[in-house]
Amino acid sequence: MTAFRRMNFPALTYVGEKLRRFDWEFLRTVHELYSNLSAILDRGIRFEDNVDAVLVTFTSSGTPDAENTVAHSLGKVPTGYIVYEQDKAGSVYKGPSAWTTSNIYLKCDVATVAVKILVF
């Protein structure tokens, strides 16, 4: 992991013993930008940082082919999903209910499958 380093600024203009308003606002804005960038780079750039998607884990119901309500935090109605891991064989597919800004509805042809999906 790479640690993000702040750059040094050249001397700023003082009026009397105070910074000019422009310089103060400039420093505040740059500090805010550095803080945001540092928060991203210091923890490493993740897949979710580059796409408008969320990772979701759920376990299908104990009844095969029953509709499962899967909560997500995407903040909009998703357009799709990708299954990237599951703990046993089975097919995960879209249920008949309309997706919302907080839930998607999926079915699985096998009972109690632990599934990880990327919702986008």
C-alpha atoms as a PDB file:
ATOM      1  CA  MET A   1       0.000   0.000   0.000  1.00  0.00           C
ATOM      2  CA  THR A   2       1.307   3.445  -0.942  1.00  0.00           C
ATOM      3  CA  ALA A   3       1.159   6.275   1.573  1.00  0.00           C
ATOM      4  CA  PHE A   4      -0.019   9.542   0.046  1.00  0.00           C
ATOM      5  CA  ARG A   5       2.336  12.436   0.784  1.00  0.00           C
ATOM      6  CA  ARG A   6       1.402  16.102   0.990  1.00  0.00           C
ATOM      7  CA  MET A   7       3.419  18.575  -1.053  1.00  0.00           C
ATOM      8  CA  ASN A   8       5.093  21.679   0.379  1.00  0.00           C
ATOM      9  CA  PHE A   9       3.812  25.082  -0.685  1.00  0.00           C
ATOM     10  CA  PRO A  10       6.021  28.063  -1.430  1.00  0.00           C
ATOM     11  CA  ALA A  11       5.874  31.071   0.875  1.00  0.00           C
ATOM     12  CA  LEU A  12       2.452  32.690   1.030  1.00  0.00           C
ATOM     13  CA  THR A  13       1.700  36.395   1.079  1.00  0.00           C
ATOM     14  CA  TYR A  14       1.047  37.946   4.468  1.00  0.00           C
ATOM     15  CA  VAL A  15      -0.659  41.274   5.046  1.00  0.00           C
ATOM     16  CA  GLY A  16       0.632  42.467   8.366  1.00  0.00           C
ATOM     17  CA  GLU A  17       0.896  39.201  10.262  1.00  0.00           C
ATOM     18  CA  LYS A  18      -2.177  37.516   8.734  1.00  0.00           C
ATOM     19  CA  LEU A  19      -2.683  35.555   5.549  1.00  0.00           C
ATOM     20  CA  ARG A  20      -4.606  37.269   2.784  1.00  0.00           C
ATOM     21  CA  ARG A  21      -8.194  35.951   2.461  1.00  0.00           C
ATOM     22  CA  PHE A  22      -7.398  34.420  -0.939  1.00  0.00           C
ATOM     23  CA  ASP A  23      -4.408  32.524   0.490  1.00  0.00           C
ATOM     24  CA  TRP A  24      -6.445  31.330   3.454  1.00  0.00           C
ATOM     25  CA  GLU A  25      -9.254  30.050   1.188  1.00  0.00           C
ATOM     26  CA  PHE A  26      -6.703  28.464  -1.133  1.00  0.00           C
ATOM     27  CA  LEU A  27      -5.019  26.597   1.733  1.00  0.00           C
ATOM     28  CA  ARG A  28      -8.364  25.452   3.137  1.00  0.00           C
ATOM     29  CA  THR A  29      -9.508  24.127  -0.254  1.00  0.00           C
ATOM     30  CA  VAL A  30      -6.219  22.369  -0.967  1.00  0.00           C
ATOM     31  CA  HIS A  31      -6.220  20.824   2.520  1.00  0.00           C
ATOM     32  CA  GLU A  32      -9.743  19.490   1.929  1.00  0.00           C
ATOM     33  CA  LEU A  33      -8.750  18.040  -1.456  1.00  0.00           C
ATOM     34  CA  TYR A  34      -5.620  16.455   0.025  1.00  0.00           C
ATOM     35  CA  SER A  35      -7.656  14.923   2.852  1.00  0.00           C
ATOM     36  CA  ASN A  36     -10.137  13.360   0.430  1.00  0.00           C
ATOM     37  CA  LEU A  37      -7.423  12.066  -1.878  1.00  0.00           C
ATOM     38  CA  SER A  38      -5.373  10.777   1.032  1.00  0.00           C
ATOM     39  CA  ALA A  39      -8.371   8.857   2.422  1.00  0.00           C
ATOM     40  CA  ILE A  40      -8.725   7.045  -0.900  1.00  0.00           C
ATOM     41  CA  LEU A  41      -5.073   6.403  -1.692  1.00  0.00           C
ATOM     42  CA  ASP A  42      -3.900   5.441   1.797  1.00  0.00           C
ATOM     43  CA  ARG A  43      -6.381   2.574   2.058  1.00  0.00           C
ATOM     44  CA  GLY A  44      -5.766   1.430  -1.529  1.00  0.00           C
ATOM     45  CA  ILE A  45      -8.112   1.885  -4.457  1.00  0.00           C
ATOM     46  CA  ARG A  46     -10.817  -0.751  -4.395  1.00  0.00           C
ATOM     47  CA  PHE A  47     -12.990  -2.001  -7.224  1.00  0.00           C
ATOM     48  CA  GLU A  48     -16.014  -0.167  -5.787  1.00  0.00           C
ATOM     49  CA  ASP A  49     -14.066   3.126  -5.961  1.00  0.00           C
ATOM     50  CA  ASN A  50     -13.958   2.873  -9.752  1.00  0.00           C
ATOM     51  CA  VAL A  51     -17.478   1.723 -10.588  1.00  0.00           C
ATOM     52  CA  ASP A  52     -20.959   2.739  -9.514  1.00  0.00           C
ATOM     53  CA  ALA A  53     -21.663  -0.543  -7.739  1.00  0.00           C
ATOM     54  CA  VAL A  54     -21.922  -2.163  -4.300  1.00  0.00           C
ATOM     55  CA  LEU A  55     -20.892  -5.575  -3.024  1.00  0.00           C
ATOM     56  CA  VAL A  56     -23.720  -7.482  -1.323  1.00  0.00           C
ATOM     57  CA  THR A  57     -23.814 -10.813   0.530  1.00  0.00           C
ATOM     58  CA  PHE A  58     -27.003 -12.766   1.158  1.00  0.00           C
ATOM     59  CA  THR A  59     -28.180 -16.325   1.798  1.00  0.00           C
ATOM     60  CA  SER A  60     -31.039 -17.666  -0.307  1.00  0.00           C
ATOM     61  CA  SER A  61     -34.128 -18.887   1.494  1.00  0.00           C
ATOM     62  CA  GLY A  62     -34.612 -22.446   2.713  1.00  0.00           C
ATOM     63  CA  THR A  63     -37.096 -23.048  -0.102  1.00  0.00           C
ATOM     64  CA  PRO A  64     -35.685 -23.488  -3.609  1.00  0.00           C
ATOM     65  CA  ASP A  65     -36.986 -20.984  -6.193  1.00  0.00           C
ATOM     66  CA  ALA A  66     -38.481 -18.706  -3.517  1.00  0.00           C
ATOM     67  CA  GLU A  67     -38.025 -14.967  -4.030  1.00  0.00           C
ATOM     68  CA  ASN A  68     -35.367 -13.391  -1.798  1.00  0.00           C
ATOM     69  CA  THR A  69     -35.377  -9.705  -0.899  1.00  0.00           C
ATOM     70  CA  VAL A  70     -31.789  -8.485  -1.069  1.00  0.00           C
ATOM     71  CA  ALA A  71     -31.041  -5.051   0.399  1.00  0.00           C
ATOM     72  CA  HIS A  72     -28.440  -2.859  -1.295  1.00  0.00           C
ATOM     73  CA  SER A  73     -27.040   0.617  -0.685  1.00  0.00           C
ATOM     74  CA  LEU A  74     -26.550   1.727  -4.290  1.00  0.00           C
ATOM     75  CA  GLY A  75     -28.926   4.676  -3.888  1.00  0.00           C
ATOM     76  CA  LYS A  76     -30.666   4.093  -7.216  1.00  0.00           C
ATOM     77  CA  VAL A  77     -32.553   1.331  -8.997  1.00  0.00           C
ATOM     78  CA  PRO A  78     -29.871  -1.126 -10.148  1.00  0.00           C
ATOM     79  CA  THR A  79     -29.554  -2.229 -13.763  1.00  0.00           C
ATOM     80  CA  GLY A  80     -27.964  -5.600 -13.055  1.00  0.00           C
ATOM     81  CA  TYR A  81     -25.818  -7.833 -10.885  1.00  0.00           C
ATOM     82  CA  ILE A  82     -22.924 -10.258 -11.176  1.00  0.00           C
ATOM     83  CA  VAL A  83     -22.533 -13.310  -8.951  1.00  0.00           C
ATOM     84  CA  TYR A  84     -18.873 -13.540  -7.993  1.00  0.00           C
ATOM     85  CA  GLU A  85     -18.960 -16.171  -5.259  1.00  0.00           C
ATOM     86  CA  GLN A  86     -21.318 -18.762  -3.823  1.00  0.00           C
ATOM     87  CA  ASP A  87     -20.766 -21.612  -1.372  1.00  0.00           C
ATOM     88  CA  LYS A  88     -22.474 -24.377  -3.375  1.00  0.00           C
ATOM     89  CA  ALA A  89     -23.807 -25.141  -6.824  1.00  0.00           C
ATOM     90  CA  GLY A  90     -26.989 -23.362  -7.802  1.00  0.00           C
ATOM     91  CA  SER A  91     -28.366 -20.817 -10.187  1.00  0.00           C
ATOM     92  CA  VAL A  92     -29.187 -17.295  -8.984  1.00  0.00           C
ATOM     93  CA  TYR A  93     -31.670 -15.430 -11.172  1.00  0.00           C
ATOM     94  CA  LYS A  94     -33.927 -12.378 -11.169  1.00  0.00           C
ATOM     95  CA  GLY A  95     -37.307 -12.649  -9.442  1.00  0.00           C
ATOM     96  CA  PRO A  96     -40.551 -11.190 -10.819  1.00  0.00           C
ATOM     97  CA  SER A  97     -40.790  -8.198  -8.449  1.00  0.00           C
ATOM     98  CA  ALA A  98     -39.601  -4.782  -9.643  1.00  0.00           C
ATOM     99  CA  TRP A  99     -36.295  -3.614  -8.198  1.00  0.00           C
ATOM    100  CA  THR A 100     -36.227  -0.489  -6.045  1.00  0.00           C
ATOM    101  CA  THR A 101     -33.658   2.006  -4.807  1.00  0.00           C
ATOM    102  CA  SER A 102     -33.142  -0.145  -1.699  1.00  0.00           C
ATOM    103  CA  ASN A 103     -33.905  -3.778  -2.695  1.00  0.00           C
ATOM    104  CA  ILE A 104     -33.472  -6.246  -5.511  1.00  0.00           C
ATOM    105  CA  TYR A 105     -35.393  -9.518  -5.751  1.00  0.00           C
ATOM    106  CA  LEU A 106     -33.536 -12.687  -6.665  1.00  0.00           C
ATOM    107  CA  LYS A 107     -34.303 -16.394  -6.723  1.00  0.00           C
ATOM    108  CA  CYS A 108     -32.037 -19.413  -6.388  1.00  0.00           C
ATOM    109  CA  ASP A 109     -32.895 -22.943  -7.507  1.00  0.00           C
ATOM    110  CA  VAL A 110     -31.103 -24.408  -4.449  1.00  0.00           C
ATOM    111  CA  ALA A 111     -31.948 -23.778  -0.782  1.00  0.00           C
ATOM    112  CA  THR A 112     -29.654 -21.787   1.545  1.00  0.00           C
ATOM    113  CA  VAL A 113     -26.875 -20.787  -0.805  1.00  0.00           C
ATOM    114  CA  ALA A 114     -24.526 -18.090   0.539  1.00  0.00           C
ATOM    115  CA  VAL A 115     -24.067 -15.691  -2.374  1.00  0.00           C
ATOM    116  CA  LYS A 116     -21.865 -12.647  -2.963  1.00  0.00           C
ATOM    117  CA  ILE A 117     -22.945 -10.325  -5.770  1.00  0.00           C
ATOM    118  CA  LEU A 118     -21.893  -7.052  -7.327  1.00  0.00           C
ATOM    119  CA  VAL A 119     -24.964  -4.859  -7.785  1.00  0.00           C
ATOM    120  CA  PHE A 120     -24.679  -2.081 -10.393  1.00  0.00           C
END
